[in-house]
Amino acid sequence: MALGSLPQVVWGQFCGQSYDARIANIHRDAGRLSGAQPRLLLTGSSSIRLWPDASEAFPQFEVINAGFGGSCYSDLWALRDTLLFAFEPDVVVIYEGDNDLSDGVPQSEILNSANDLFADLAQRLPDTKVVVLAPKPSLARRHLAQEYRALSQALGQKAQRHGFAFVNFWDVMHLPDGTLNEAYFLADGLHLNKEGYGVWVDALRRAAPWLAPGK
């Protein structure tokens, strides 16, 4: 799939939009959980929201998919009480930064929002395990590759300073010759298919072995 052949789609993924309907659905689904297992909260933009089989990947947890498409770090910071602390999770997995860069948010602003969020999590949920995911490479946004790599490095440093695990998918999503593996993407060249999510799960378990079933 050549970059020039990708559909020219305006995603409407802009920081600061209204997420009220999605948030209502997240709380409705979370309210159906029994509470019999530790709670794993996945949150962030559409790469989280579209994860099709997260509950199967982490069967030892009750999984809350709190992904809200189009979101940025500033959105998660603003909605942290509703989308993070309200659920009292045992584990939090965060994926943001992808839309931030695409929307032209300066790296300094992204990092400020992320650092505020990380500090608040560490203070208010000191016993919760937190995993921060780097913004993934993609076919649709590979013109921003250098910006993604720079942001990922800086995010990793901030996450680790707070004692959080950090996962960067850059290497595992590229072929040995350095080209991005097109087999991991849907036709839009942006979102992952089942194989792509499988790569994510493997990388997560290597970085945080306690996420693997039976650990």
Protein backbone atom coordinates (compact mmCIF):
# COMPACT_ATOMS: atom_id res chain seq x y z
CA MET A 1 0.00 0.00 0.00
CA ALA A 2 1.81 3.12 -1.18
CA LEU A 3 1.32 6.29 0.83
CA GLY A 4 0.08 8.10 -2.26
CA SER A 5 -2.75 5.58 -2.63
CA LEU A 6 -4.12 6.13 0.86
CA PRO A 7 -7.60 7.68 0.94
CA GLN A 8 -7.55 11.41 1.57
CA VAL A 9 -9.82 11.43 4.60
CA VAL A 10 -10.47 14.25 7.03
CA TRP A 11 -10.79 12.33 10.28
CA GLY A 12 -12.21 15.13 12.37
CA GLN A 13 -9.83 14.10 15.13
CA PHE A 14 -9.20 17.42 16.78
CA CYS A 15 -8.20 18.01 20.38
CA GLY A 16 -10.92 19.49 22.54
CA GLN A 17 -14.03 18.12 20.87
CA SER A 18 -17.06 16.87 22.81
CA TYR A 19 -16.81 13.28 24.03
CA ASP A 20 -20.00 13.21 26.12
CA ALA A 21 -21.73 10.37 24.24
CA ARG A 22 -18.66 8.15 24.31
CA ILE A 23 -18.09 8.82 28.02
CA ALA A 24 -21.70 7.85 28.79
CA ASN A 25 -21.20 4.55 26.97
CA ILE A 26 -17.94 3.87 28.82
CA HIS A 27 -19.65 4.34 32.20
CA ARG A 28 -22.63 2.22 31.13
CA ASP A 29 -20.37 -0.69 30.11
CA ALA A 30 -18.21 -0.38 33.23
CA GLY A 31 -21.33 -0.51 35.39
CA ARG A 32 -22.05 -4.00 34.07
CA LEU A 33 -18.80 -5.47 35.40
CA SER A 34 -19.00 -7.74 38.41
CA GLY A 35 -15.91 -6.53 40.24
CA ALA A 36 -14.69 -10.11 40.68
CA GLN A 37 -11.26 -9.44 39.11
CA PRO A 38 -8.70 -6.64 39.22
CA ARG A 39 -9.66 -3.76 36.95
CA LEU A 40 -7.58 -2.85 33.88
CA LEU A 41 -8.44 0.52 32.36
CA LEU A 42 -7.41 1.21 28.77
CA THR A 43 -7.71 4.85 27.83
CA GLY A 44 -6.64 7.20 25.06
CA SER A 45 -7.52 7.84 21.45
CA SER A 46 -9.04 5.64 18.75
CA SER A 47 -6.24 3.07 18.73
CA ILE A 48 -7.56 2.14 22.17
CA ARG A 49 -11.25 2.59 21.39
CA LEU A 50 -11.05 0.28 18.37
CA TRP A 51 -9.13 -2.52 20.15
CA PRO A 52 -11.44 -5.44 19.31
CA ASP A 53 -10.37 -8.19 21.69
CA ALA A 54 -8.67 -6.50 24.63
CA SER A 55 -10.66 -8.54 27.14
CA GLU A 56 -9.35 -11.73 25.53
CA ALA A 57 -5.77 -10.41 25.61
CA PHE A 58 -5.99 -9.70 29.35
CA PRO A 59 -8.38 -12.36 30.70
CA GLN A 60 -7.11 -12.04 34.27
CA PHE A 61 -8.58 -8.53 34.45
CA GLU A 62 -11.94 -6.88 34.08
CA VAL A 63 -11.15 -4.61 31.15
CA ILE A 64 -12.70 -1.17 30.79
CA ASN A 65 -12.14 0.27 27.33
CA ALA A 66 -12.19 4.00 28.04
CA GLY A 67 -10.79 4.97 24.67
CA PHE A 68 -12.32 8.10 23.13
CA GLY A 69 -11.50 8.67 19.49
CA GLY A 70 -9.86 11.88 18.38
CA SER A 71 -8.53 12.65 21.83
CA CYS A 72 -5.24 14.21 22.89
CA TYR A 73 -3.27 14.39 26.14
CA SER A 74 -4.97 17.67 27.01
CA ASP A 75 -8.37 15.95 26.74
CA LEU A 76 -7.37 13.10 29.01
CA TRP A 77 -5.97 15.58 31.50
CA ALA A 78 -9.21 17.59 31.46
CA LEU A 79 -11.36 14.45 31.80
CA ARG A 80 -9.15 12.56 34.23
CA ASP A 81 -11.70 12.48 37.05
CA THR A 82 -14.36 11.05 34.75
CA LEU A 83 -12.23 8.65 32.69
CA LEU A 84 -9.55 7.59 35.17
CA PHE A 85 -10.18 8.19 38.83
CA ALA A 86 -13.89 7.41 38.79
CA PHE A 87 -13.13 3.76 37.98
CA GLU A 88 -10.50 3.17 40.71
CA PRO A 89 -8.44 0.95 38.39
CA ASP A 90 -5.73 -1.48 39.46
CA VAL A 91 -3.91 -1.00 36.15
CA VAL A 92 -4.04 1.93 33.71
CA VAL A 93 -2.79 1.80 30.11
CA ILE A 94 -2.56 5.20 28.39
CA TYR A 95 -2.29 5.88 24.66
CA GLU A 96 -2.22 9.51 23.57
CA GLY A 97 0.06 11.72 21.49
CA ASP A 98 -0.92 10.39 18.08
CA ASN A 99 -3.60 12.99 17.38
CA ASP A 100 -1.69 15.68 19.25
CA LEU A 101 1.12 15.61 16.71
CA SER A 102 -1.21 15.28 13.74
CA ASP A 103 -3.16 18.31 14.96
CA GLY A 104 0.01 20.37 15.26
CA VAL A 105 0.14 20.64 19.04
CA PRO A 106 3.69 21.70 20.02
CA GLN A 107 5.70 18.98 21.71
CA SER A 108 6.18 21.19 24.79
CA GLU A 109 2.41 21.46 25.27
CA ILE A 110 1.93 17.71 24.81
CA LEU A 111 4.60 16.98 27.39
CA ASN A 112 3.17 19.49 29.86
CA SER A 113 -0.25 17.84 29.71
CA ALA A 114 1.28 14.37 29.94
CA ASN A 115 3.50 15.27 32.88
CA ASP A 116 0.59 16.86 34.77
CA LEU A 117 -1.44 13.70 34.18
CA PHE A 118 1.38 11.37 35.25
CA ALA A 119 2.05 13.36 38.41
CA ASP A 120 -1.64 13.35 39.36
CA LEU A 121 -1.89 9.60 38.76
CA ALA A 122 1.19 8.90 40.86
CA GLN A 123 -0.16 11.02 43.71
CA ARG A 124 -3.80 9.95 43.71
CA LEU A 125 -3.41 6.28 42.73
CA PRO A 126 -0.06 5.33 44.27
CA ASP A 127 -0.83 1.60 44.26
CA THR A 128 -2.06 1.50 40.65
CA LYS A 129 0.27 0.18 37.98
CA VAL A 130 0.52 2.52 35.00
CA VAL A 131 1.70 1.68 31.48
CA VAL A 132 2.27 4.51 29.01
CA LEU A 133 2.26 3.68 25.29
CA ALA A 134 4.27 5.68 22.78
CA PRO A 135 2.35 7.06 19.79
CA LYS A 136 2.58 4.39 17.13
CA PRO A 137 4.05 4.81 13.66
CA SER A 138 1.49 4.61 10.85
CA LEU A 139 1.33 4.71 7.08
CA ALA A 140 -1.01 7.69 7.09
CA ARG A 141 1.23 9.79 9.34
CA ARG A 142 4.71 8.64 8.46
CA HIS A 143 5.56 12.14 7.22
CA LEU A 144 5.64 12.97 10.95
CA ALA A 145 7.97 10.08 11.81
CA GLN A 146 10.75 12.22 13.26
CA GLU A 147 8.29 14.15 15.43
CA TYR A 148 6.78 10.88 16.66
CA ARG A 149 10.18 9.49 17.59
CA ALA A 150 11.20 12.65 19.43
CA LEU A 151 7.91 12.77 21.36
CA SER A 152 8.17 9.08 22.24
CA GLN A 153 11.63 9.52 23.69
CA ALA A 154 10.53 12.47 25.81
CA LEU A 155 7.32 10.74 26.95
CA GLY A 156 9.29 7.67 27.95
CA GLN A 157 11.59 9.73 30.13
CA LYS A 158 8.68 11.41 31.89
CA ALA A 159 6.76 8.15 32.38
CA GLN A 160 9.77 6.37 33.83
CA ARG A 161 10.51 9.23 36.22
CA HIS A 162 7.12 8.55 37.76
CA GLY A 163 7.84 4.81 38.00
CA PHE A 164 5.53 3.89 35.11
CA ALA A 165 6.21 1.23 32.49
CA PHE A 166 6.71 2.57 28.97
CA VAL A 167 6.21 0.74 25.68
CA ASN A 168 7.49 2.02 22.34
CA PHE A 169 6.15 0.06 19.37
CA TRP A 170 8.47 1.64 16.83
CA ASP A 171 10.89 -1.24 16.28
CA VAL A 172 8.35 -4.07 16.42
CA MET A 173 6.14 -2.39 13.81
CA HIS A 174 8.98 -2.03 11.30
CA LEU A 175 10.60 -4.65 9.11
CA PRO A 176 14.33 -5.43 9.42
CA ASP A 177 15.07 -3.09 6.51
CA GLY A 178 13.49 -0.19 8.41
CA THR A 179 10.24 0.06 6.45
CA LEU A 180 6.92 0.15 8.26
CA ASN A 181 5.08 -3.18 8.10
CA GLU A 182 1.90 -2.49 6.12
CA ALA A 183 0.41 -5.83 7.20
CA TYR A 184 -0.52 -4.34 10.59
CA PHE A 185 -2.94 -1.69 9.33
CA LEU A 186 -6.51 -1.32 8.15
CA ALA A 187 -7.14 0.18 4.72
CA ASP A 188 -7.02 3.72 6.14
CA GLY A 189 -3.31 3.29 6.87
CA LEU A 190 -3.84 4.73 10.36
CA HIS A 191 -5.64 2.21 12.53
CA LEU A 192 -4.49 -1.30 13.41
CA ASN A 193 -5.94 -4.61 12.32
CA LYS A 194 -6.00 -7.76 14.46
CA GLU A 195 -2.42 -8.64 13.57
CA GLY A 196 -1.28 -5.16 14.56
CA TYR A 197 -2.95 -5.44 17.95
CA GLY A 198 -1.30 -8.83 18.39
CA VAL A 199 2.08 -7.11 18.03
CA TRP A 200 1.01 -4.60 20.66
CA VAL A 201 0.00 -7.34 23.10
CA ASP A 202 3.33 -9.13 22.69
CA ALA A 203 5.25 -5.89 23.26
CA LEU A 204 3.16 -5.04 26.32
CA ARG A 205 3.80 -8.44 27.88
CA ARG A 206 7.53 -8.10 27.32
CA ALA A 207 7.62 -4.65 28.93
CA ALA A 208 5.22 -5.55 31.75
CA PRO A 209 5.29 -9.36 32.20
CA TRP A 210 2.59 -9.17 34.87
CA LEU A 211 0.10 -8.36 32.07
CA ALA A 212 0.45 -11.91 30.71
CA PRO A 213 -2.21 -14.41 31.81
CA GLY A 214 -1.11 -16.49 34.78
CA LYS A 215 1.38 -13.89 36.04
